[in-house]
Amino acid sequence: MVGKRSGATEPFNRDKIVNGVRRACQGRPVTEDQLAILAQRVEDAIRSRGLGEVPSHEVGLAILGPLRALDEVAYLRFASVYRGFESLDDFEAEISALRAIRDEKWRSAMAELDRERADGRAGDAGDVEAGDGGKAAAWQAAGRNGA
């Protein structure tokens, strides 16, 4: 069950998650299958808590992480409504946080690549052909476009 701010409760409804996230994803390269997977992840996260009732606020929080991983623009749209952004400063702060997360993923991916190189495991045929020593794969792992 989901506890609403009004005090009412209602059964968990995965379709509500899909519909809410779909609006944030409008015009973005996100498929219906990806929306369904996101909703399933949110439902799994909520149910794994083992609580009989979860506040609707926690359902919204459970959406933010998977949506951020799926599409940063859709995440910003959803977060701006969910968290009630009121100024450009709110958007700038959230964009800075997204960049920090992406940069940390980049550093982690590059550190892993360095470890693989040191162990002699780096560079499959695609990396060698690309001539980038695996950097493109690291960029992709970090959620960046391009090399």
N, C-alpha and C. Protein backbone atom coordinates (compact mmCIF):
# COMPACT_ATOMS: atom_id res chain seq x y z
N MET A 1 0.84 -1.19 0.00
CA MET A 1 0.00 0.00 0.00
C MET A 1 0.88 1.25 0.00
N VAL A 2 0.34 2.30 -0.60
CA VAL A 2 1.04 3.58 -0.67
C VAL A 2 0.24 4.60 0.12
N GLY A 3 0.91 5.25 1.06
CA GLY A 3 0.27 6.29 1.86
C GLY A 3 0.43 7.64 1.19
N LYS A 4 -0.70 8.27 0.92
CA LYS A 4 -0.69 9.58 0.26
C LYS A 4 -0.56 10.69 1.30
N ARG A 5 -0.22 11.88 0.84
CA ARG A 5 -0.09 13.02 1.75
C ARG A 5 -1.42 13.35 2.44
N SER A 6 -2.50 13.07 1.75
CA SER A 6 -3.83 13.36 2.31
C SER A 6 -4.19 12.43 3.46
N GLY A 7 -3.41 11.37 3.63
CA GLY A 7 -3.72 10.38 4.65
C GLY A 7 -4.38 9.14 4.09
N ALA A 8 -4.88 9.23 2.86
CA ALA A 8 -5.49 8.08 2.21
C ALA A 8 -4.41 7.07 1.82
N THR A 9 -4.81 5.82 1.66
CA THR A 9 -3.90 4.79 1.16
C THR A 9 -4.51 4.16 -0.07
N GLU A 10 -3.63 3.66 -0.93
CA GLU A 10 -4.09 2.97 -2.13
C GLU A 10 -3.07 1.90 -2.48
N PRO A 11 -3.50 0.89 -3.22
CA PRO A 11 -2.54 -0.16 -3.62
C PRO A 11 -1.44 0.43 -4.51
N PHE A 12 -0.26 -0.17 -4.42
CA PHE A 12 0.83 0.22 -5.31
C PHE A 12 0.38 -0.01 -6.74
N ASN A 13 0.62 0.95 -7.62
CA ASN A 13 0.18 0.86 -9.01
C ASN A 13 1.35 1.20 -9.92
N ARG A 14 1.90 0.17 -10.54
CA ARG A 14 3.05 0.35 -11.43
C ARG A 14 2.71 1.24 -12.61
N ASP A 15 1.47 1.20 -13.08
CA ASP A 15 1.06 2.04 -14.21
C ASP A 15 1.20 3.52 -13.90
N LYS A 16 0.96 3.90 -12.63
CA LYS A 16 1.13 5.31 -12.25
C LYS A 16 2.59 5.74 -12.40
N ILE A 17 3.49 4.85 -12.08
CA ILE A 17 4.91 5.16 -12.23
C ILE A 17 5.24 5.33 -13.70
N VAL A 18 4.81 4.38 -14.52
CA VAL A 18 5.09 4.45 -15.95
C VAL A 18 4.53 5.73 -16.54
N ASN A 19 3.29 6.07 -16.19
CA ASN A 19 2.68 7.27 -16.76
C ASN A 19 3.39 8.55 -16.32
N GLY A 20 3.78 8.63 -15.06
CA GLY A 20 4.49 9.80 -14.57
C GLY A 20 5.85 9.95 -15.21
N VAL A 21 6.56 8.85 -15.32
CA VAL A 21 7.90 8.89 -15.91
C VAL A 21 7.80 9.11 -17.42
N ARG A 22 6.77 8.58 -18.05
CA ARG A 22 6.58 8.78 -19.49
C ARG A 22 6.50 10.26 -19.83
N ARG A 23 5.81 11.03 -18.99
CA ARG A 23 5.71 12.48 -19.24
C ARG A 23 7.10 13.12 -19.20
N ALA A 24 7.90 12.71 -18.24
CA ALA A 24 9.25 13.27 -18.13
C ALA A 24 10.12 12.86 -19.32
N CYS A 25 9.80 11.72 -19.91
CA CYS A 25 10.60 11.17 -21.02
C CYS A 25 10.08 11.61 -22.39
N GLN A 26 9.05 12.41 -22.42
CA GLN A 26 8.47 12.82 -23.69
C GLN A 26 9.53 13.48 -24.57
N GLY A 27 9.65 12.97 -25.79
CA GLY A 27 10.62 13.49 -26.74
C GLY A 27 12.04 12.98 -26.53
N ARG A 28 12.22 12.10 -25.57
CA ARG A 28 13.54 11.53 -25.27
C ARG A 28 13.63 10.13 -25.88
N PRO A 29 14.84 9.63 -26.13
CA PRO A 29 15.00 8.29 -26.72
C PRO A 29 14.84 7.19 -25.67
N VAL A 30 13.64 7.10 -25.10
CA VAL A 30 13.34 6.10 -24.08
C VAL A 30 12.18 5.26 -24.59
N THR A 31 12.35 3.95 -24.55
CA THR A 31 11.32 3.04 -25.08
C THR A 31 10.33 2.64 -23.98
N GLU A 32 9.21 2.11 -24.42
CA GLU A 32 8.21 1.59 -23.48
C GLU A 32 8.80 0.44 -22.65
N ASP A 33 9.63 -0.37 -23.27
CA ASP A 33 10.28 -1.47 -22.53
C ASP A 33 11.16 -0.91 -21.41
N GLN A 34 11.89 0.15 -21.70
CA GLN A 34 12.73 0.76 -20.67
C GLN A 34 11.88 1.33 -19.53
N LEU A 35 10.74 1.92 -19.88
CA LEU A 35 9.83 2.43 -18.85
C LEU A 35 9.30 1.29 -17.98
N ALA A 36 8.95 0.18 -18.61
CA ALA A 36 8.44 -0.97 -17.87
C ALA A 36 9.51 -1.54 -16.93
N ILE A 37 10.75 -1.60 -17.41
CA ILE A 37 11.85 -2.10 -16.57
C ILE A 37 12.08 -1.16 -15.39
N LEU A 38 12.05 0.15 -15.65
CA LEU A 38 12.22 1.11 -14.57
C LEU A 38 11.13 0.93 -13.51
N ALA A 39 9.89 0.81 -13.97
CA ALA A 39 8.78 0.64 -13.03
C ALA A 39 8.93 -0.65 -12.23
N GLN A 40 9.41 -1.70 -12.86
CA GLN A 40 9.64 -2.97 -12.14
C GLN A 40 10.73 -2.80 -11.09
N ARG A 41 11.79 -2.08 -11.43
CA ARG A 41 12.86 -1.84 -10.46
C ARG A 41 12.35 -1.06 -9.26
N VAL A 42 11.52 -0.05 -9.53
CA VAL A 42 10.95 0.75 -8.44
C VAL A 42 10.07 -0.13 -7.57
N GLU A 43 9.22 -0.92 -8.21
CA GLU A 43 8.34 -1.81 -7.43
C GLU A 43 9.16 -2.79 -6.60
N ASP A 44 10.19 -3.37 -7.18
CA ASP A 44 11.05 -4.31 -6.45
C ASP A 44 11.70 -3.63 -5.25
N ALA A 45 12.18 -2.40 -5.45
CA ALA A 45 12.82 -1.66 -4.36
C ALA A 45 11.83 -1.38 -3.23
N ILE A 46 10.62 -1.02 -3.59
CA ILE A 46 9.59 -0.73 -2.58
C ILE A 46 9.20 -2.00 -1.83
N ARG A 47 8.96 -3.06 -2.57
CA ARG A 47 8.54 -4.32 -1.93
C ARG A 47 9.65 -4.94 -1.08
N SER A 48 10.91 -4.72 -1.47
CA SER A 48 12.02 -5.31 -0.71
C SER A 48 12.14 -4.72 0.69
N ARG A 49 11.53 -3.58 0.90
CA ARG A 49 11.55 -2.97 2.24
C ARG A 49 10.70 -3.74 3.23
N GLY A 50 9.78 -4.54 2.70
CA GLY A 50 8.96 -5.39 3.55
C GLY A 50 7.96 -4.65 4.42
N LEU A 51 7.64 -3.42 4.04
CA LEU A 51 6.68 -2.64 4.82
C LEU A 51 5.27 -2.81 4.25
N GLY A 52 4.30 -2.77 5.11
CA GLY A 52 2.92 -2.87 4.66
C GLY A 52 2.46 -1.63 3.94
N GLU A 53 3.03 -0.50 4.34
CA GLU A 53 2.66 0.78 3.72
C GLU A 53 3.91 1.63 3.53
N VAL A 54 4.02 2.24 2.36
CA VAL A 54 5.16 3.09 2.03
C VAL A 54 4.62 4.47 1.70
N PRO A 55 5.21 5.51 2.26
CA PRO A 55 4.76 6.87 1.90
C PRO A 55 5.00 7.15 0.42
N SER A 56 4.10 7.88 -0.20
CA SER A 56 4.24 8.20 -1.63
C SER A 56 5.56 8.92 -1.90
N HIS A 57 6.03 9.68 -0.94
CA HIS A 57 7.31 10.38 -1.09
C HIS A 57 8.45 9.38 -1.35
N GLU A 58 8.41 8.24 -0.68
CA GLU A 58 9.46 7.23 -0.87
C GLU A 58 9.36 6.57 -2.24
N VAL A 59 8.15 6.48 -2.77
CA VAL A 59 8.00 5.95 -4.12
C VAL A 59 8.69 6.90 -5.10
N GLY A 60 8.47 8.19 -4.92
CA GLY A 60 9.13 9.18 -5.78
C GLY A 60 10.64 9.12 -5.67
N LEU A 61 11.14 8.96 -4.46
CA LEU A 61 12.59 8.84 -4.28
C LEU A 61 13.13 7.59 -4.97
N ALA A 62 12.35 6.51 -4.93
CA ALA A 62 12.78 5.26 -5.57
C ALA A 62 12.82 5.38 -7.09
N ILE A 63 12.09 6.33 -7.64
CA ILE A 63 12.09 6.55 -9.09
C ILE A 63 13.35 7.30 -9.53
N LEU A 64 13.82 8.21 -8.70
CA LEU A 64 14.89 9.12 -9.12
C LEU A 64 16.17 8.42 -9.57
N GLY A 65 16.65 7.44 -8.82
CA GLY A 65 17.90 6.77 -9.18
C GLY A 65 17.84 6.05 -10.51
N PRO A 66 16.86 5.16 -10.71
CA PRO A 66 16.77 4.48 -12.02
C PRO A 66 16.53 5.44 -13.18
N LEU A 67 15.76 6.50 -12.93
CA LEU A 67 15.51 7.46 -14.01
C LEU A 67 16.78 8.23 -14.35
N ARG A 68 17.57 8.58 -13.35
CA ARG A 68 18.84 9.27 -13.60
C ARG A 68 19.74 8.41 -14.48
N ALA A 69 19.77 7.11 -14.19
CA ALA A 69 20.60 6.20 -14.98
C ALA A 69 20.05 6.02 -16.40
N LEU A 70 18.75 6.13 -16.55
CA LEU A 70 18.12 5.93 -17.85
C LEU A 70 18.30 7.14 -18.77
N ASP A 71 18.01 8.34 -18.26
CA ASP A 71 18.06 9.53 -19.11
C ASP A 71 18.17 10.76 -18.21
N GLU A 72 19.30 11.46 -18.30
CA GLU A 72 19.54 12.60 -17.42
C GLU A 72 18.56 13.74 -17.64
N VAL A 73 18.15 13.99 -18.88
CA VAL A 73 17.21 15.07 -19.15
C VAL A 73 15.84 14.74 -18.55
N ALA A 74 15.38 13.51 -18.76
CA ALA A 74 14.11 13.10 -18.17
C ALA A 74 14.19 13.16 -16.64
N TYR A 75 15.35 12.77 -16.10
CA TYR A 75 15.55 12.85 -14.66
C TYR A 75 15.38 14.29 -14.18
N LEU A 76 16.02 15.25 -14.86
CA LEU A 76 15.90 16.65 -14.47
C LEU A 76 14.46 17.13 -14.53
N ARG A 77 13.75 16.72 -15.56
CA ARG A 77 12.34 17.10 -15.69
C ARG A 77 11.54 16.57 -14.49
N PHE A 78 11.72 15.28 -14.21
CA PHE A 78 10.97 14.64 -13.13
C PHE A 78 11.36 15.24 -11.78
N ALA A 79 12.66 15.38 -11.55
CA ALA A 79 13.14 15.92 -10.28
C ALA A 79 12.67 17.36 -10.07
N SER A 80 12.61 18.13 -11.15
CA SER A 80 12.21 19.53 -11.00
C SER A 80 10.76 19.64 -10.52
N VAL A 81 9.91 18.74 -10.96
CA VAL A 81 8.52 18.74 -10.50
C VAL A 81 8.44 18.08 -9.13
N TYR A 82 9.06 16.92 -8.98
CA TYR A 82 8.98 16.16 -7.74
C TYR A 82 9.55 16.94 -6.56
N ARG A 83 10.69 17.59 -6.79
CA ARG A 83 11.34 18.34 -5.71
C ARG A 83 10.94 19.81 -5.67
N GLY A 84 10.09 20.21 -6.61
CA GLY A 84 9.57 21.58 -6.61
C GLY A 84 10.61 22.65 -6.86
N PHE A 85 11.42 22.47 -7.91
CA PHE A 85 12.41 23.48 -8.25
C PHE A 85 11.69 24.81 -8.47
N GLU A 86 12.29 25.87 -7.93
CA GLU A 86 11.67 27.19 -8.05
C GLU A 86 12.55 28.22 -8.76
N SER A 87 13.80 27.85 -9.04
CA SER A 87 14.69 28.83 -9.66
C SER A 87 15.74 28.13 -10.51
N LEU A 88 16.45 28.93 -11.27
CA LEU A 88 17.56 28.39 -12.05
C LEU A 88 18.62 27.81 -11.13
N ASP A 89 18.77 28.39 -9.95
CA ASP A 89 19.75 27.87 -8.99
C ASP A 89 19.45 26.41 -8.64
N ASP A 90 18.17 26.07 -8.53
CA ASP A 90 17.80 24.68 -8.24
C ASP A 90 18.25 23.76 -9.37
N PHE A 91 18.03 24.19 -10.61
CA PHE A 91 18.46 23.40 -11.76
C PHE A 91 19.98 23.31 -11.81
N GLU A 92 20.65 24.43 -11.60
CA GLU A 92 22.11 24.43 -11.64
C GLU A 92 22.71 23.51 -10.59
N ALA A 93 22.13 23.50 -9.40
CA ALA A 93 22.63 22.62 -8.34
C ALA A 93 22.45 21.16 -8.73
N GLU A 94 21.31 20.85 -9.31
CA GLU A 94 21.06 19.45 -9.71
C GLU A 94 21.95 19.04 -10.87
N ILE A 95 22.18 19.93 -11.81
CA ILE A 95 23.08 19.64 -12.93
C ILE A 95 24.50 19.43 -12.41
N SER A 96 24.91 20.24 -11.46
CA SER A 96 26.25 20.06 -10.87
C SER A 96 26.36 18.70 -10.20
N ALA A 97 25.31 18.28 -9.51
CA ALA A 97 25.31 16.96 -8.86
C ALA A 97 25.39 15.85 -9.91
N LEU A 98 24.65 16.00 -11.02
CA LEU A 98 24.71 15.01 -12.09
C LEU A 98 26.11 14.93 -12.68
N ARG A 99 26.72 16.08 -12.89
CA ARG A 99 28.09 16.09 -13.43
C ARG A 99 29.06 15.42 -12.48
N ALA A 100 28.90 15.66 -11.21
CA ALA A 100 29.80 15.04 -10.22
C ALA A 100 29.66 13.52 -10.25
N ILE A 101 28.44 13.03 -10.36
CA ILE A 101 28.20 11.59 -10.45
C ILE A 101 28.84 11.03 -11.71
N ARG A 102 28.64 11.71 -12.83
CA ARG A 102 29.20 11.26 -14.10
C ARG A 102 30.72 11.27 -14.06
N ASP A 103 31.29 12.33 -13.48
CA ASP A 103 32.74 12.41 -13.38
C ASP A 103 33.31 11.30 -12.51
N GLU A 104 32.61 10.96 -11.44
CA GLU A 104 33.07 9.86 -10.57
C GLU A 104 33.02 8.53 -11.33
N LYS A 105 31.96 8.33 -12.12
CA LYS A 105 31.89 7.11 -12.94
C LYS A 105 33.04 7.07 -13.93
N TRP A 106 33.36 8.22 -14.52
CA TRP A 106 34.46 8.32 -15.48
C TRP A 106 35.77 7.95 -14.79
N ARG A 107 36.01 8.53 -13.62
CA ARG A 107 37.26 8.23 -12.91
C ARG A 107 37.33 6.74 -12.56
N SER A 108 36.21 6.17 -12.13
CA SER A 108 36.19 4.74 -11.79
C SER A 108 36.46 3.88 -13.02
N ALA A 109 35.83 4.23 -14.15
CA ALA A 109 36.03 3.46 -15.38
C ALA A 109 37.48 3.55 -15.85
N MET A 110 38.07 4.74 -15.75
CA MET A 110 39.46 4.90 -16.17
C MET A 110 40.40 4.15 -15.23
N ALA A 111 40.11 4.17 -13.93
CA ALA A 111 40.94 3.44 -12.97
C ALA A 111 40.88 1.94 -13.25
N GLU A 112 39.69 1.45 -13.57
CA GLU A 112 39.55 0.03 -13.91
C GLU A 112 40.32 -0.30 -15.17
N LEU A 113 40.26 0.57 -16.16
CA LEU A 113 41.00 0.37 -17.40
C LEU A 113 42.50 0.34 -17.11
N ASP A 114 42.96 1.25 -16.26
CA ASP A 114 44.38 1.26 -15.89
C ASP A 114 44.78 -0.05 -15.20
N ARG A 115 43.91 -0.56 -14.31
CA ARG A 115 44.19 -1.84 -13.64
C ARG A 115 44.27 -2.98 -14.65
N GLU A 116 43.34 -2.96 -15.61
CA GLU A 116 43.34 -4.01 -16.63
C GLU A 116 44.61 -3.93 -17.48
N ARG A 117 45.02 -2.73 -17.81
CA ARG A 117 46.26 -2.57 -18.58
C ARG A 117 47.45 -3.11 -17.80
N ALA A 118 47.48 -2.79 -16.52
CA ALA A 118 48.58 -3.25 -15.68
C ALA A 118 48.60 -4.77 -15.57
N ASP A 119 47.42 -5.38 -15.60
CA ASP A 119 47.31 -6.84 -15.52
C ASP A 119 47.44 -7.50 -16.89
N GLY A 120 47.53 -6.69 -17.96
CA GLY A 120 47.62 -7.25 -19.31
C GLY A 120 46.28 -7.72 -19.85
N ARG A 121 45.17 -7.26 -19.25
CA ARG A 121 43.85 -7.71 -19.68
C ARG A 121 43.15 -6.69 -20.56
N ALA A 122 43.64 -5.50 -20.71
CA ALA A 122 42.93 -4.44 -21.41
C ALA A 122 42.97 -4.64 -22.91
N GLY A 123 41.92 -4.10 -23.55
CA GLY A 123 41.90 -4.00 -25.00
C GLY A 123 41.48 -5.26 -25.71
N ASP A 124 40.19 -5.34 -26.01
CA ASP A 124 39.75 -6.41 -26.88
C ASP A 124 39.91 -5.93 -28.32
N ALA A 125 39.50 -6.72 -29.28
CA ALA A 125 39.71 -6.38 -30.70
C ALA A 125 39.08 -5.04 -31.05
N GLY A 126 37.91 -4.74 -30.50
CA GLY A 126 37.25 -3.49 -30.80
C GLY A 126 38.03 -2.30 -30.29
N ASP A 127 38.63 -2.44 -29.11
CA ASP A 127 39.43 -1.34 -28.56
C ASP A 127 40.66 -1.10 -29.42
N VAL A 128 41.30 -2.17 -29.87
CA VAL A 128 42.50 -2.03 -30.68
C VAL A 128 42.15 -1.40 -32.01
N GLU A 129 41.04 -1.87 -32.63
CA GLU A 129 40.64 -1.32 -33.91
C GLU A 129 40.28 0.15 -33.77
N ALA A 130 39.63 0.51 -32.68
CA ALA A 130 39.26 1.91 -32.48
C ALA A 130 40.48 2.76 -32.20
N GLY A 131 41.57 2.12 -31.76
CA GLY A 131 42.80 2.84 -31.49
C GLY A 131 42.74 3.71 -30.25
N ASP A 132 41.77 3.43 -29.39
CA ASP A 132 41.63 4.28 -28.21
C ASP A 132 41.98 3.56 -26.92
N GLY A 133 42.44 2.34 -27.01
CA GLY A 133 42.85 1.62 -25.81
C GLY A 133 41.74 1.41 -24.81
N GLY A 134 40.49 1.45 -25.26
CA GLY A 134 39.36 1.21 -24.36
C GLY A 134 38.70 2.47 -23.83
N LYS A 135 39.18 3.65 -24.24
CA LYS A 135 38.61 4.89 -23.72
C LYS A 135 37.15 5.06 -24.11
N ALA A 136 36.79 4.65 -25.33
CA ALA A 136 35.39 4.79 -25.75
C ALA A 136 34.48 3.97 -24.84
N ALA A 137 34.93 2.77 -24.48
CA ALA A 137 34.12 1.95 -23.58
C ALA A 137 34.02 2.60 -22.20
N ALA A 138 35.08 3.23 -21.75
CA ALA A 138 35.05 3.91 -20.45
C ALA A 138 34.09 5.10 -20.50
N TRP A 139 34.12 5.84 -21.59
CA TRP A 139 33.19 6.96 -21.74
C TRP A 139 31.76 6.46 -21.72
N GLN A 140 31.51 5.37 -22.43
CA GLN A 140 30.16 4.82 -22.47
C GLN A 140 29.74 4.35 -21.08
N ALA A 141 30.63 3.71 -20.37
CA ALA A 141 30.32 3.24 -19.01
C ALA A 141 30.01 4.41 -18.09
N ALA A 142 30.62 5.54 -18.35
CA ALA A 142 30.40 6.71 -17.51
C ALA A 142 29.19 7.52 -17.94
N GLY A 143 28.54 7.08 -19.03
CA GLY A 143 27.35 7.77 -19.50
C GLY A 143 27.62 8.99 -20.34
N ARG A 144 28.82 9.07 -20.88
CA ARG A 144 29.18 10.21 -21.73
C ARG A 144 29.03 9.81 -23.18
N ASN A 145 28.80 10.79 -24.01
CA ASN A 145 28.72 10.55 -25.46
C ASN A 145 30.04 10.96 -26.08
N GLY A 146 30.46 10.20 -27.04
CA GLY A 146 31.68 10.55 -27.75
C GLY A 146 32.89 9.94 -27.11
N ALA A 147 34.04 10.19 -27.72
CA ALA A 147 35.30 9.65 -27.20
C ALA A 147 36.28 10.75 -26.93
